[in-house]
Each structure stands twice: as C-alpha cells, then as structure tokens.
C-alpha atoms as a PDB file:
ATOM      1  CA  MET A   1       3.185  27.465  10.934  1.00  0.00           C
ATOM      2  CA  GLN A   2       4.913  24.064  11.080  1.00  0.00           C
ATOM      3  CA  GLU A   3       1.612  22.238  11.710  1.00  0.00           C
ATOM      4  CA  SER A   4      -0.119  23.736   8.651  1.00  0.00           C
ATOM      5  CA  ARG A   5       2.873  22.798   6.461  1.00  0.00           C
ATOM      6  CA  SER A   6       2.763  19.261   7.842  1.00  0.00           C
ATOM      7  CA  LYS A   7      -0.943  18.969   6.983  1.00  0.00           C
ATOM      8  CA  GLU A   8      -0.257  20.341   3.506  1.00  0.00           C
ATOM      9  CA  VAL A   9       2.475  17.754   2.899  1.00  0.00           C
ATOM     10  CA  GLU A  10       0.190  15.007   4.217  1.00  0.00           C
ATOM     11  CA  ALA A  11      -2.610  16.135   1.870  1.00  0.00           C
ATOM     12  CA  ILE A  12      -0.251  16.040  -1.100  1.00  0.00           C
ATOM     13  CA  SER A  13       0.988  12.634  -0.011  1.00  0.00           C
ATOM     14  CA  ASN A  14      -2.578  11.320   0.340  1.00  0.00           C
ATOM     15  CA  HIS A  15      -3.417  12.682  -3.111  1.00  0.00           C
ATOM     16  CA  SER A  16      -0.349  10.981  -4.615  1.00  0.00           C
ATOM     17  CA  PHE A  17      -1.253   7.727  -2.886  1.00  0.00           C
ATOM     18  CA  SER A  18      -4.818   7.925  -4.220  1.00  0.00           C
ATOM     19  CA  ARG A  19      -3.542   8.559  -7.747  1.00  0.00           C
ATOM     20  CA  MET A  20      -1.180   5.607  -7.440  1.00  0.00           C
ATOM     21  CA  ILE A  21      -4.085   3.371  -6.401  1.00  0.00           C
ATOM     22  CA  GLU A  22      -6.131   4.513  -9.391  1.00  0.00           C
ATOM     23  CA  ARG A  23      -3.225   3.864 -11.743  1.00  0.00           C
ATOM     24  CA  ALA A  24      -2.697   0.395 -10.246  1.00  0.00           C
ATOM     25  CA  LYS A  25      -6.403  -0.384 -10.654  1.00  0.00           C
ATOM     26  CA  CYS A  26      -6.090   0.491 -14.340  1.00  0.00           C
ATOM     27  CA  GLY A  27      -3.286  -2.014 -14.847  1.00  0.00           C
ATOM     28  CA  ASP A  28      -0.174   0.087 -14.195  1.00  0.00           C
ATOM     29  CA  ASN A  29       2.251  -2.508 -12.793  1.00  0.00           C
ATOM     30  CA  ASP A  30       4.815   0.139 -11.831  1.00  0.00           C
ATOM     31  CA  ALA A  31       2.194   1.869  -9.670  1.00  0.00           C
ATOM     32  CA  LEU A  32       1.261  -1.472  -8.100  1.00  0.00           C
ATOM     33  CA  THR A  33       4.903  -2.183  -7.291  1.00  0.00           C
ATOM     34  CA  MET A  34       5.305   1.259  -5.738  1.00  0.00           C
ATOM     35  CA  LEU A  35       2.182   0.737  -3.602  1.00  0.00           C
ATOM     36  CA  LEU A  36       3.434  -2.611  -2.342  1.00  0.00           C
ATOM     37  CA  LEU A  37       6.847  -1.121  -1.520  1.00  0.00           C
ATOM     38  CA  LYS A  38       5.255   1.804   0.289  1.00  0.00           C
ATOM     39  CA  MET A  39       3.031  -0.553   2.284  1.00  0.00           C
ATOM     40  CA  GLU A  40       5.761  -3.115   3.036  1.00  0.00           C
ATOM     41  CA  PRO A  41       6.278  -2.151   6.710  1.00  0.00           C
ATOM     42  CA  GLU A  42       2.552  -2.424   7.427  1.00  0.00           C
ATOM     43  CA  ILE A  43       2.279  -5.687   5.496  1.00  0.00           C
ATOM     44  CA  GLN A  44       5.150  -7.213   7.471  1.00  0.00           C
ATOM     45  CA  HIS A  45       3.616  -6.062  10.744  1.00  0.00           C
ATOM     46  CA  LEU A  46       0.177  -7.476   9.907  1.00  0.00           C
ATOM     47  CA  ALA A  47       1.644 -10.762   8.669  1.00  0.00           C
ATOM     48  CA  GLY A  48       2.860 -11.437  12.204  1.00  0.00           C
ATOM     49  CA  PHE A  49      -0.749 -11.760  13.385  1.00  0.00           C
ATOM     50  CA  LEU A  50      -1.710 -14.486  10.919  1.00  0.00           C
ATOM     51  CA  LYS A  51      -1.594 -18.139  11.920  1.00  0.00           C
ATOM     52  CA  MET A  52       0.976 -19.086   9.309  1.00  0.00           C
ATOM     53  CA  SER A  53       4.635 -18.400   8.680  1.00  0.00           C
ATOM     54  CA  LYS A  54       5.472 -14.730   8.289  1.00  0.00           C
ATOM     55  CA  GLU A  55       6.582 -15.286   4.676  1.00  0.00           C
ATOM     56  CA  ASP A  56       3.310 -17.019   3.825  1.00  0.00           C
ATOM     57  CA  GLY A  57       1.389 -14.252   5.589  1.00  0.00           C
ATOM     58  CA  ILE A  58       3.172 -11.566   3.589  1.00  0.00           C
ATOM     59  CA  GLN A  59       2.431 -13.400   0.353  1.00  0.00           C
ATOM     60  CA  GLU A  60      -1.232 -13.897   1.333  1.00  0.00           C
ATOM     61  CA  ILE A  61      -1.711 -10.212   2.185  1.00  0.00           C
ATOM     62  CA  LYS A  62      -0.108  -9.087  -1.071  1.00  0.00           C
ATOM     63  CA  THR A  63      -2.154 -11.558  -3.091  1.00  0.00           C
ATOM     64  CA  LYS A  64      -5.439 -10.465  -1.486  1.00  0.00           C
ATOM     65  CA  PHE A  65      -4.526  -6.798  -1.949  1.00  0.00           C
ATOM     66  CA  ILE A  66      -3.902  -7.319  -5.677  1.00  0.00           C
ATOM     67  CA  GLU A  67      -7.114  -9.356  -6.046  1.00  0.00           C
ATOM     68  CA  LYS A  68      -9.164  -6.604  -4.381  1.00  0.00           C
ATOM     69  CA  LEU A  69      -7.454  -3.868  -6.347  1.00  0.00           C
ATOM     70  CA  ARG A  70      -7.776  -5.485  -9.739  1.00  0.00           C
ATOM     71  CA  GLY A  71     -10.719  -7.824  -9.163  1.00  0.00           C
END
C-alpha cells in the first residue's frame, strides 16, 4: 500500500516538474526560478566536479541550463 502511494506521489511530482519546465521554456521567470531552486542541491554537487571554483561552476551550470531551456 505504501509503495503504490509513493509511486503516485512521484508521478504527480514528475508531472509538476514537467509542467514547470514547459512554463519556463515559454518565458515564465517564476517557473525558471523555482526549477533552479529545486535543482540547487544537484547543481552544487555537480559544480564540485568542474575544474573551476565552485561558485564559477554553479554559475556556469545555471547559465548553460537557461541557454538550453530557452535557446
């Protein structure tokens, strides 16, 4: 019972995330901000693997993400 509820919540969450991406692609800056906030832990983790300062890595990842999303 708990597992099926967990999958249901995950499906709703994935749907919400997909909708947020679509809104951000269409120019919704609030949706873009929410996406970046939601992805912040992953962005910080990935930035540690780049051969630059962590702050520069975070900025680079965010910049590339926005370029891909809106490009």
